[in-house]
Amino acid sequence: MAIYYYAYSGHKYGLDRVKRAVALIKALRTQGVEVNLLLNDFRAGLAARELGVMDSVTVETIWDIDAVAKRGDIVFIDSPEDDKGKLEDYSDEYNPLFYV
């Protein structure tokens, strides 16, 4: 089982979601819990690196989380994107699923 945190960012939305993700990931790492950061923007990964999370994976949109996460993984989603019903599918795949 793996844990993923997907944070949507970009020029229009800023880096607030990335900052929130980094804060949670760093706090969980102090407890020995490893969380993988998923971002939709490569430059947001550079910002996350500056904030202390060195590794991230870039995915296109909220629809592409399932290209990385597998059934039974834990997923946090912090995104204003229209999921077009994908969250319903995700709630069946990932347990638990957190929507921030």
PDB file of N, CA and C in Angstrom:
ATOM      1  N   MET A   1       0.841  -1.177   0.000  1.00  0.00           N
ATOM      2  CA  MET A   1       0.000   0.000   0.000  1.00  0.00           C
ATOM      3  C   MET A   1       0.888   1.244   0.000  1.00  0.00           C
ATOM      4  N   ALA A   2       0.549   2.194  -0.842  1.00  0.00           N
ATOM      5  CA  ALA A   2       1.277   3.458  -0.923  1.00  0.00           C
ATOM      6  C   ALA A   2       0.308   4.603  -0.619  1.00  0.00           C
ATOM      7  N   ILE A   3       0.878   5.743  -0.284  1.00  0.00           N
ATOM      8  CA  ILE A   3       0.082   6.940  -0.004  1.00  0.00           C
ATOM      9  C   ILE A   3       0.478   8.008  -1.014  1.00  0.00           C
ATOM     10  N   TYR A   4      -0.525   8.633  -1.626  1.00  0.00           N
ATOM     11  CA  TYR A   4      -0.305   9.676  -2.625  1.00  0.00           C
ATOM     12  C   TYR A   4      -1.064  10.935  -2.243  1.00  0.00           C
ATOM     13  N   TYR A   5      -0.461  12.068  -2.538  1.00  0.00           N
ATOM     14  CA  TYR A   5      -1.115  13.364  -2.356  1.00  0.00           C
ATOM     15  C   TYR A   5      -1.040  14.085  -3.697  1.00  0.00           C
ATOM     16  N   TYR A   6      -2.219  14.305  -4.330  1.00  0.00           N
ATOM     17  CA  TYR A   6      -2.288  15.024  -5.603  1.00  0.00           C
ATOM     18  C   TYR A   6      -2.645  16.470  -5.319  1.00  0.00           C
ATOM     19  N   ALA A   7      -1.790  17.391  -5.741  1.00  0.00           N
ATOM     20  CA  ALA A   7      -2.023  18.818  -5.553  1.00  0.00           C
ATOM     21  C   ALA A   7      -2.062  19.504  -6.918  1.00  0.00           C
ATOM     22  N   TYR A   8      -3.172  20.151  -7.207  1.00  0.00           N
ATOM     23  CA  TYR A   8      -3.313  20.901  -8.452  1.00  0.00           C
ATOM     24  C   TYR A   8      -2.695  22.278  -8.259  1.00  0.00           C
ATOM     25  N   SER A   9      -1.913  22.706  -9.227  1.00  0.00           N
ATOM     26  CA  SER A   9      -1.300  24.031  -9.143  1.00  0.00           C
ATOM     27  C   SER A   9      -1.159  24.584 -10.545  1.00  0.00           C
ATOM     28  N   GLY A  10      -0.740  25.806 -10.631  1.00  0.00           N
ATOM     29  CA  GLY A  10      -0.528  26.433 -11.925  1.00  0.00           C
ATOM     30  C   GLY A  10      -0.526  27.941 -11.782  1.00  0.00           C
ATOM     31  N   HIS A  11      -0.296  28.609 -12.884  1.00  0.00           N
ATOM     32  CA  HIS A  11      -0.231  30.070 -12.854  1.00  0.00           C
ATOM     33  C   HIS A  11      -1.529  30.686 -12.340  1.00  0.00           C
ATOM     34  N   LYS A  12      -2.646  30.124 -12.723  1.00  0.00           N
ATOM     35  CA  LYS A  12      -3.947  30.672 -12.340  1.00  0.00           C
ATOM     36  C   LYS A  12      -4.267  30.408 -10.873  1.00  0.00           C
ATOM     37  N   TYR A  13      -3.805  29.284 -10.347  1.00  0.00           N
ATOM     38  CA  TYR A  13      -4.173  28.875  -8.997  1.00  0.00           C
ATOM     39  C   TYR A  13      -3.081  29.062  -7.953  1.00  0.00           C
ATOM     40  N   GLY A  14      -1.863  29.315  -8.361  1.00  0.00           N
ATOM     41  CA  GLY A  14      -0.786  29.526  -7.409  1.00  0.00           C
ATOM     42  C   GLY A  14      -0.262  28.238  -6.808  1.00  0.00           C
ATOM     43  N   LEU A  15       0.500  28.386  -5.731  1.00  0.00           N
ATOM     44  CA  LEU A  15       1.166  27.243  -5.101  1.00  0.00           C
ATOM     45  C   LEU A  15       0.605  26.891  -3.727  1.00  0.00           C
ATOM     46  N   ASP A  16      -0.548  27.433  -3.372  1.00  0.00           N
ATOM     47  CA  ASP A  16      -1.099  27.158  -2.047  1.00  0.00           C
ATOM     48  C   ASP A  16      -1.325  25.676  -1.804  1.00  0.00           C
ATOM     49  N   ARG A  17      -1.823  24.969  -2.792  1.00  0.00           N
ATOM     50  CA  ARG A  17      -2.065  23.536  -2.633  1.00  0.00           C
ATOM     51  C   ARG A  17      -0.750  22.767  -2.491  1.00  0.00           C
ATOM     52  N   VAL A  18       0.263  23.201  -3.209  1.00  0.00           N
ATOM     53  CA  VAL A  18       1.576  22.557  -3.106  1.00  0.00           C
ATOM     54  C   VAL A  18       2.148  22.789  -1.708  1.00  0.00           C
ATOM     55  N   LYS A  19       2.024  23.989  -1.209  1.00  0.00           N
ATOM     56  CA  LYS A  19       2.519  24.295   0.142  1.00  0.00           C
ATOM     57  C   LYS A  19       1.793  23.460   1.189  1.00  0.00           C
ATOM     58  N   ARG A  20       0.488  23.311   1.030  1.00  0.00           N
ATOM     59  CA  ARG A  20      -0.301  22.496   1.963  1.00  0.00           C
ATOM     60  C   ARG A  20       0.155  21.031   1.897  1.00  0.00           C
ATOM     61  N   ALA A  21       0.373  20.532   0.682  1.00  0.00           N
ATOM     62  CA  ALA A  21       0.829  19.153   0.503  1.00  0.00           C
ATOM     63  C   ALA A  21       2.189  18.939   1.147  1.00  0.00           C
ATOM     64  N   VAL A  22       3.104  19.855   0.908  1.00  0.00           N
ATOM     65  CA  VAL A  22       4.452  19.741   1.473  1.00  0.00           C
ATOM     66  C   VAL A  22       4.395  19.731   3.003  1.00  0.00           C
ATOM     67  N   ALA A  23       3.577  20.587   3.575  1.00  0.00           N
ATOM     68  CA  ALA A  23       3.460  20.631   5.038  1.00  0.00           C
ATOM     69  C   ALA A  23       2.966  19.294   5.584  1.00  0.00           C
ATOM     70  N   LEU A  24       1.955  18.713   4.945  1.00  0.00           N
ATOM     71  CA  LEU A  24       1.426  17.432   5.401  1.00  0.00           C
ATOM     72  C   LEU A  24       2.450  16.312   5.201  1.00  0.00           C
ATOM     73  N   ILE A  25       3.087  16.289   4.052  1.00  0.00           N
ATOM     74  CA  ILE A  25       4.073  15.250   3.759  1.00  0.00           C
ATOM     75  C   ILE A  25       5.231  15.302   4.752  1.00  0.00           C
ATOM     76  N   LYS A  26       5.726  16.492   5.031  1.00  0.00           N
ATOM     77  CA  LYS A  26       6.832  16.619   5.987  1.00  0.00           C
ATOM     78  C   LYS A  26       6.410  16.200   7.384  1.00  0.00           C
ATOM     79  N   ALA A  27       5.191  16.549   7.787  1.00  0.00           N
ATOM     80  CA  ALA A  27       4.703  16.154   9.112  1.00  0.00           C
ATOM     81  C   ALA A  27       4.561  14.638   9.209  1.00  0.00           C
ATOM     82  N   LEU A  28       4.035  14.011   8.171  1.00  0.00           N
ATOM     83  CA  LEU A  28       3.887  12.554   8.188  1.00  0.00           C
ATOM     84  C   LEU A  28       5.236  11.842   8.150  1.00  0.00           C
ATOM     85  N   ARG A  29       6.186  12.411   7.453  1.00  0.00           N
ATOM     86  CA  ARG A  29       7.520  11.800   7.394  1.00  0.00           C
ATOM     87  C   ARG A  29       8.204  11.800   8.754  1.00  0.00           C
ATOM     88  N   THR A  30       7.921  12.799   9.586  1.00  0.00           N
ATOM     89  CA  THR A  30       8.490  12.797  10.934  1.00  0.00           C
ATOM     90  C   THR A  30       7.942  11.638  11.752  1.00  0.00           C
ATOM     91  N   GLN A  31       6.786  11.104  11.345  1.00  0.00           N
ATOM     92  CA  GLN A  31       6.176   9.960  12.022  1.00  0.00           C
ATOM     93  C   GLN A  31       6.513   8.642  11.324  1.00  0.00           C
ATOM     94  N   GLY A  32       7.386   8.715  10.316  1.00  0.00           N
ATOM     95  CA  GLY A  32       7.791   7.504   9.612  1.00  0.00           C
ATOM     96  C   GLY A  32       6.857   7.078   8.492  1.00  0.00           C
ATOM     97  N   VAL A  33       5.958   7.966   8.076  1.00  0.00           N
ATOM     98  CA  VAL A  33       4.996   7.659   7.023  1.00  0.00           C
ATOM     99  C   VAL A  33       5.459   8.320   5.732  1.00  0.00           C
ATOM    100  N   GLU A  34       5.652   7.518   4.696  1.00  0.00           N
ATOM    101  CA  GLU A  34       6.119   8.035   3.407  1.00  0.00           C
ATOM    102  C   GLU A  34       4.925   8.349   2.503  1.00  0.00           C
ATOM    103  N   VAL A  35       4.902   9.572   1.971  1.00  0.00           N
ATOM    104  CA  VAL A  35       3.830  10.022   1.082  1.00  0.00           C
ATOM    105  C   VAL A  35       4.458  10.468  -0.232  1.00  0.00           C
ATOM    106  N   ASN A  36       3.863  10.030  -1.345  1.00  0.00           N
ATOM    107  CA  ASN A  36       4.324  10.396  -2.679  1.00  0.00           C
ATOM    108  C   ASN A  36       3.522  11.591  -3.187  1.00  0.00           C
ATOM    109  N   LEU A  37       4.214  12.596  -3.667  1.00  0.00           N
ATOM    110  CA  LEU A  37       3.573  13.813  -4.146  1.00  0.00           C
ATOM    111  C   LEU A  37       3.302  13.711  -5.641  1.00  0.00           C
ATOM    112  N   LEU A  38       2.044  13.946  -6.025  1.00  0.00           N
ATOM    113  CA  LEU A  38       1.644  13.995  -7.425  1.00  0.00           C
ATOM    114  C   LEU A  38       1.263  15.429  -7.756  1.00  0.00           C
ATOM    115  N   LEU A  39       1.792  15.945  -8.850  1.00  0.00           N
ATOM    116  CA  LEU A  39       1.520  17.320  -9.263  1.00  0.00           C
ATOM    117  C   LEU A  39       1.150  17.349 -10.741  1.00  0.00           C
ATOM    118  N   ASN A  40       0.411  18.362 -11.140  1.00  0.00           N
ATOM    119  CA  ASN A  40       0.057  18.475 -12.552  1.00  0.00           C
ATOM    120  C   ASN A  40       0.959  19.452 -13.294  1.00  0.00           C
ATOM    121  N   ASP A  41       1.936  19.998 -12.610  1.00  0.00           N
ATOM    122  CA  ASP A  41       2.797  21.011 -13.205  1.00  0.00           C
ATOM    123  C   ASP A  41       4.243  20.749 -12.788  1.00  0.00           C
ATOM    124  N   PHE A  42       5.114  20.582 -13.765  1.00  0.00           N
ATOM    125  CA  PHE A  42       6.523  20.301 -13.480  1.00  0.00           C
ATOM    126  C   PHE A  42       7.143  21.397 -12.614  1.00  0.00           C
ATOM    127  N   ARG A  43       6.804  22.643 -12.891  1.00  0.00           N
ATOM    128  CA  ARG A  43       7.386  23.755 -12.113  1.00  0.00           C
ATOM    129  C   ARG A  43       6.950  23.716 -10.659  1.00  0.00           C
ATOM    130  N   ALA A  44       5.760  23.189 -10.389  1.00  0.00           N
ATOM    131  CA  ALA A  44       5.321  23.028  -9.001  1.00  0.00           C
ATOM    132  C   ALA A  44       6.225  22.035  -8.278  1.00  0.00           C
ATOM    133  N   GLY A  45       6.737  21.052  -9.008  1.00  0.00           N
ATOM    134  CA  GLY A  45       7.685  20.110  -8.425  1.00  0.00           C
ATOM    135  C   GLY A  45       8.974  20.785  -7.999  1.00  0.00           C
ATOM    136  N   LEU A  46       9.394  21.770  -8.784  1.00  0.00           N
ATOM    137  CA  LEU A  46      10.586  22.550  -8.404  1.00  0.00           C
ATOM    138  C   LEU A  46      10.324  23.348  -7.137  1.00  0.00           C
ATOM    139  N   ALA A  47       9.133  23.915  -7.032  1.00  0.00           N
ATOM    140  CA  ALA A  47       8.763  24.659  -5.823  1.00  0.00           C
ATOM    141  C   ALA A  47       8.701  23.727  -4.618  1.00  0.00           C
ATOM    142  N   ALA A  48       8.135  22.545  -4.801  1.00  0.00           N
ATOM    143  CA  ALA A  48       8.063  21.569  -3.704  1.00  0.00           C
ATOM    144  C   ALA A  48       9.457  21.178  -3.245  1.00  0.00           C
ATOM    145  N   ARG A  49      10.363  21.056  -4.192  1.00  0.00           N
ATOM    146  CA  ARG A  49      11.751  20.725  -3.856  1.00  0.00           C
ATOM    147  C   ARG A  49      12.366  21.820  -2.988  1.00  0.00           C
ATOM    148  N   GLU A  50      12.124  23.072  -3.347  1.00  0.00           N
ATOM    149  CA  GLU A  50      12.637  24.192  -2.550  1.00  0.00           C
ATOM    150  C   GLU A  50      12.046  24.206  -1.143  1.00  0.00           C
ATOM    151  N   LEU A  51      10.824  23.670  -1.014  1.00  0.00           N
ATOM    152  CA  LEU A  51      10.155  23.633   0.286  1.00  0.00           C
ATOM    153  C   LEU A  51      10.510  22.389   1.103  1.00  0.00           C
ATOM    154  N   GLY A  52      11.260  21.455   0.503  1.00  0.00           N
ATOM    155  CA  GLY A  52      11.745  20.318   1.269  1.00  0.00           C
ATOM    156  C   GLY A  52      11.262  18.946   0.848  1.00  0.00           C
ATOM    157  N   VAL A  53      10.417  18.846  -0.191  1.00  0.00           N
ATOM    158  CA  VAL A  53      10.004  17.545  -0.703  1.00  0.00           C
ATOM    159  C   VAL A  53      10.720  17.351  -2.033  1.00  0.00           C
ATOM    160  N   MET A  54      11.705  16.481  -2.039  1.00  0.00           N
ATOM    161  CA  MET A  54      12.608  16.355  -3.180  1.00  0.00           C
ATOM    162  C   MET A  54      12.012  15.620  -4.376  1.00  0.00           C
ATOM    163  N   ASP A  55      11.139  14.652  -4.124  1.00  0.00           N
ATOM    164  CA  ASP A  55      10.613  13.836  -5.213  1.00  0.00           C
ATOM    165  C   ASP A  55       9.129  14.108  -5.441  1.00  0.00           C
ATOM    166  N   SER A  56       8.753  14.189  -6.708  1.00  0.00           N
ATOM    167  CA  SER A  56       7.343  14.291  -7.077  1.00  0.00           C
ATOM    168  C   SER A  56       7.170  13.663  -8.454  1.00  0.00           C
ATOM    169  N   VAL A  57       5.938  13.316  -8.752  1.00  0.00           N
ATOM    170  CA  VAL A  57       5.594  12.744 -10.053  1.00  0.00           C
ATOM    171  C   VAL A  57       4.593  13.692 -10.702  1.00  0.00           C
ATOM    172  N   THR A  58       4.829  14.005 -11.970  1.00  0.00           N
ATOM    173  CA  THR A  58       3.926  14.890 -12.699  1.00  0.00           C
ATOM    174  C   THR A  58       2.904  14.055 -13.462  1.00  0.00           C
ATOM    175  N   VAL A  59       1.622  14.366 -13.254  1.00  0.00           N
ATOM    176  CA  VAL A  59       0.523  13.763 -14.007  1.00  0.00           C
ATOM    177  C   VAL A  59      -0.252  14.902 -14.664  1.00  0.00           C
ATOM    178  N   GLU A  60      -0.938  14.623 -15.753  1.00  0.00           N
ATOM    179  CA  GLU A  60      -1.636  15.673 -16.508  1.00  0.00           C
ATOM    180  C   GLU A  60      -2.768  16.322 -15.720  1.00  0.00           C
ATOM    181  N   THR A  61      -3.702  15.509 -15.235  1.00  0.00           N
ATOM    182  CA  THR A  61      -4.893  16.032 -14.557  1.00  0.00           C
ATOM    183  C   THR A  61      -5.318  15.070 -13.458  1.00  0.00           C
ATOM    184  N   ILE A  62      -6.395  15.425 -12.794  1.00  0.00           N
ATOM    185  CA  ILE A  62      -6.978  14.566 -11.759  1.00  0.00           C
ATOM    186  C   ILE A  62      -7.361  13.202 -12.334  1.00  0.00           C
ATOM    187  N   TRP A  63      -7.661  13.150 -13.604  1.00  0.00           N
ATOM    188  CA  TRP A  63      -8.037  11.895 -14.266  1.00  0.00           C
ATOM    189  C   TRP A  63      -6.887  10.913 -14.373  1.00  0.00           C
ATOM    190  N   ASP A  64      -5.665  11.369 -14.182  1.00  0.00           N
ATOM    191  CA  ASP A  64      -4.493  10.516 -14.381  1.00  0.00           C
ATOM    192  C   ASP A  64      -3.894   9.974 -13.094  1.00  0.00           C
ATOM    193  N   ILE A  65      -4.534  10.213 -11.981  1.00  0.00           N
ATOM    194  CA  ILE A  65      -4.034   9.680 -10.711  1.00  0.00           C
ATOM    195  C   ILE A  65      -3.951   8.162 -10.778  1.00  0.00           C
ATOM    196  N   ASP A  66      -4.934   7.543 -11.447  1.00  0.00           N
ATOM    197  CA  ASP A  66      -4.951   6.085 -11.503  1.00  0.00           C
ATOM    198  C   ASP A  66      -3.860   5.497 -12.402  1.00  0.00           C
ATOM    199  N   ALA A  67      -3.114   6.352 -13.085  1.00  0.00           N
ATOM    200  CA  ALA A  67      -1.951   5.873 -13.840  1.00  0.00           C
ATOM    201  C   ALA A  67      -0.791   5.557 -12.901  1.00  0.00           C
ATOM    202  N   VAL A  68      -0.856   6.103 -11.689  1.00  0.00           N
ATOM    203  CA  VAL A  68       0.221   5.911 -10.712  1.00  0.00           C
ATOM    204  C   VAL A  68      -0.257   5.085  -9.516  1.00  0.00           C
ATOM    205  N   ALA A  69      -1.381   5.487  -8.934  1.00  0.00           N
ATOM    206  CA  ALA A  69      -1.902   4.814  -7.743  1.00  0.00           C
ATOM    207  C   ALA A  69      -2.590   3.509  -8.125  1.00  0.00           C
ATOM    208  N   LYS A  70      -2.541   2.567  -7.231  1.00  0.00           N
ATOM    209  CA  LYS A  70      -3.138   1.242  -7.446  1.00  0.00           C
ATOM    210  C   LYS A  70      -4.266   1.000  -6.438  1.00  0.00           C
ATOM    211  N   ARG A  71      -5.099   0.031  -6.737  1.00  0.00           N
ATOM    212  CA  ARG A  71      -6.220  -0.319  -5.855  1.00  0.00           C
ATOM    213  C   ARG A  71      -5.701  -0.567  -4.441  1.00  0.00           C
ATOM    214  N   GLY A  72      -6.376   0.023  -3.457  1.00  0.00           N
ATOM    215  CA  GLY A  72      -5.995  -0.158  -2.068  1.00  0.00           C
ATOM    216  C   GLY A  72      -5.047   0.897  -1.531  1.00  0.00           C
ATOM    217  N   ASP A  73      -4.498   1.731  -2.413  1.00  0.00           N
ATOM    218  CA  ASP A  73      -3.632   2.817  -1.955  1.00  0.00           C
ATOM    219  C   ASP A  73      -4.471   3.900  -1.275  1.00  0.00           C
ATOM    220  N   ILE A  74      -3.807   4.730  -0.508  1.00  0.00           N
ATOM    221  CA  ILE A  74      -4.452   5.875   0.129  1.00  0.00           C
ATOM    222  C   ILE A  74      -4.155   7.096  -0.728  1.00  0.00           C
ATOM    223  N   VAL A  75      -5.193   7.883  -1.044  1.00  0.00           N
ATOM    224  CA  VAL A  75      -5.025   9.030  -1.922  1.00  0.00           C
ATOM    225  C   VAL A  75      -5.663  10.271  -1.310  1.00  0.00           C
ATOM    226  N   PHE A  76      -4.894  11.349  -1.301  1.00  0.00           N
ATOM    227  CA  PHE A  76      -5.380  12.674  -0.940  1.00  0.00           C
ATOM    228  C   PHE A  76      -5.481  13.467  -2.243  1.00  0.00           C
ATOM    229  N   ILE A  77      -6.593  14.157  -2.451  1.00  0.00           N
ATOM    230  CA  ILE A  77      -6.758  14.981  -3.645  1.00  0.00           C
ATOM    231  C   ILE A  77      -7.080  16.397  -3.214  1.00  0.00           C
ATOM    232  N   ASP A  78      -6.241  17.331  -3.642  1.00  0.00           N
ATOM    233  CA  ASP A  78      -6.434  18.751  -3.350  1.00  0.00           C
ATOM    234  C   ASP A  78      -6.492  19.466  -4.698  1.00  0.00           C
ATOM    235  N   SER A  79      -7.716  19.605  -5.244  1.00  0.00           N
ATOM    236  CA  SER A  79      -7.852  20.105  -6.607  1.00  0.00           C
ATOM    237  C   SER A  79      -9.234  20.717  -6.838  1.00  0.00           C
ATOM    238  N   PRO A  80      -9.288  21.828  -7.583  1.00  0.00           N
ATOM    239  CA  PRO A  80     -10.574  22.401  -7.975  1.00  0.00           C
ATOM    240  C   PRO A  80     -11.064  21.870  -9.324  1.00  0.00           C
ATOM    241  N   GLU A  81     -10.309  20.949  -9.924  1.00  0.00           N
ATOM    242  CA  GLU A  81     -10.640  20.442 -11.258  1.00  0.00           C
ATOM    243  C   GLU A  81     -11.993  19.730 -11.263  1.00  0.00           C
ATOM    244  N   ASP A  82     -12.687  19.815 -12.394  1.00  0.00           N
ATOM    245  CA  ASP A  82     -13.909  19.061 -12.590  1.00  0.00           C
ATOM    246  C   ASP A  82     -13.518  17.614 -12.839  1.00  0.00           C
ATOM    247  N   ASP A  83     -13.894  16.748 -11.926  1.00  0.00           N
ATOM    248  CA  ASP A  83     -13.480  15.346 -12.035  1.00  0.00           C
ATOM    249  C   ASP A  83     -14.394  14.548 -12.965  1.00  0.00           C
ATOM    250  N   LYS A  84     -15.521  15.106 -13.356  1.00  0.00           N
ATOM    251  CA  LYS A  84     -16.481  14.464 -14.270  1.00  0.00           C
ATOM    252  C   LYS A  84     -16.807  13.036 -13.835  1.00  0.00           C
ATOM    253  N   GLY A  85     -17.051  12.877 -12.536  1.00  0.00           N
ATOM    254  CA  GLY A  85     -17.451  11.581 -12.000  1.00  0.00           C
ATOM    255  C   GLY A  85     -16.309  10.659 -11.626  1.00  0.00           C
ATOM    256  N   LYS A  86     -15.096  11.065 -11.868  1.00  0.00           N
ATOM    257  CA  LYS A  86     -13.938  10.209 -11.595  1.00  0.00           C
ATOM    258  C   LYS A  86     -13.767   9.945 -10.092  1.00  0.00           C
ATOM    259  N   LEU A  87     -14.159  10.901  -9.244  1.00  0.00           N
ATOM    260  CA  LEU A  87     -14.028  10.698  -7.798  1.00  0.00           C
ATOM    261  C   LEU A  87     -14.841   9.500  -7.324  1.00  0.00           C
ATOM    262  N   GLU A  88     -15.967   9.269  -7.966  1.00  0.00           N
ATOM    263  CA  GLU A  88     -16.778   8.112  -7.607  1.00  0.00           C
ATOM    264  C   GLU A  88     -16.007   6.814  -7.890  1.00  0.00           C
ATOM    265  N   ASP A  89     -15.356   6.767  -9.038  1.00  0.00           N
ATOM    266  CA  ASP A  89     -14.518   5.605  -9.361  1.00  0.00           C
ATOM    267  C   ASP A  89     -13.362   5.484  -8.374  1.00  0.00           C
ATOM    268  N   TYR A  90     -12.743   6.621  -8.070  1.00  0.00           N
ATOM    269  CA  TYR A  90     -11.615   6.616  -7.143  1.00  0.00           C
ATOM    270  C   TYR A  90     -12.023   6.130  -5.757  1.00  0.00           C
ATOM    271  N   SER A  91     -13.233   6.484  -5.321  1.00  0.00           N
ATOM    272  CA  SER A  91     -13.660   6.059  -3.987  1.00  0.00           C
ATOM    273  C   SER A  91     -13.808   4.540  -3.907  1.00  0.00           C
ATOM    274  N   ASP A  92     -14.050   3.894  -5.049  1.00  0.00           N
ATOM    275  CA  ASP A  92     -14.094   2.428  -5.081  1.00  0.00           C
ATOM    276  C   ASP A  92     -12.695   1.822  -5.124  1.00  0.00           C
ATOM    277  N   GLU A  93     -11.740   2.525  -5.710  1.00  0.00           N
ATOM    278  CA  GLU A  93     -10.384   2.017  -5.903  1.00  0.00           C
ATOM    279  C   GLU A  93      -9.475   2.238  -4.688  1.00  0.00           C
ATOM    280  N   TYR A  94      -9.575   3.416  -4.100  1.00  0.00           N
ATOM    281  CA  TYR A  94      -8.629   3.816  -3.054  1.00  0.00           C
ATOM    282  C   TYR A  94      -9.345   3.885  -1.716  1.00  0.00           C
ATOM    283  N   ASN A  95      -8.691   3.310  -0.715  1.00  0.00           N
ATOM    284  CA  ASN A  95      -9.321   3.263   0.581  1.00  0.00           C
ATOM    285  C   ASN A  95      -8.295   3.566   1.656  1.00  0.00           C
ATOM    286  N   PRO A  96      -8.406   4.693   2.306  1.00  0.00           N
ATOM    287  CA  PRO A  96      -9.411   5.734   2.098  1.00  0.00           C
ATOM    288  C   PRO A  96      -9.000   6.725   1.020  1.00  0.00           C
ATOM    289  N   LEU A  97      -9.977   7.515   0.587  1.00  0.00           N
ATOM    290  CA  LEU A  97      -9.774   8.611  -0.352  1.00  0.00           C
ATOM    291  C   LEU A  97     -10.148   9.890   0.381  1.00  0.00           C
ATOM    292  N   PHE A  98      -9.220  10.855   0.398  1.00  0.00           N
ATOM    293  CA  PHE A  98      -9.467  12.135   1.043  1.00  0.00           C
ATOM    294  C   PHE A  98      -9.540  13.216  -0.020  1.00  0.00           C
ATOM    295  N   TYR A  99     -10.598  14.006   0.005  1.00  0.00           N
ATOM    296  CA  TYR A  99     -10.733  15.126  -0.933  1.00  0.00           C
ATOM    297  C   TYR A  99     -10.630  16.414  -0.133  1.00  0.00           C
ATOM    298  N   VAL A 100      -9.540  17.145  -0.353  1.00  0.00           N
ATOM    299  CA  VAL A 100      -9.277  18.369   0.409  1.00  0.00           C
ATOM    300  C   VAL A 100      -9.962  19.532  -0.278  1.00  0.00           C
TER     301      VAL A 100
END
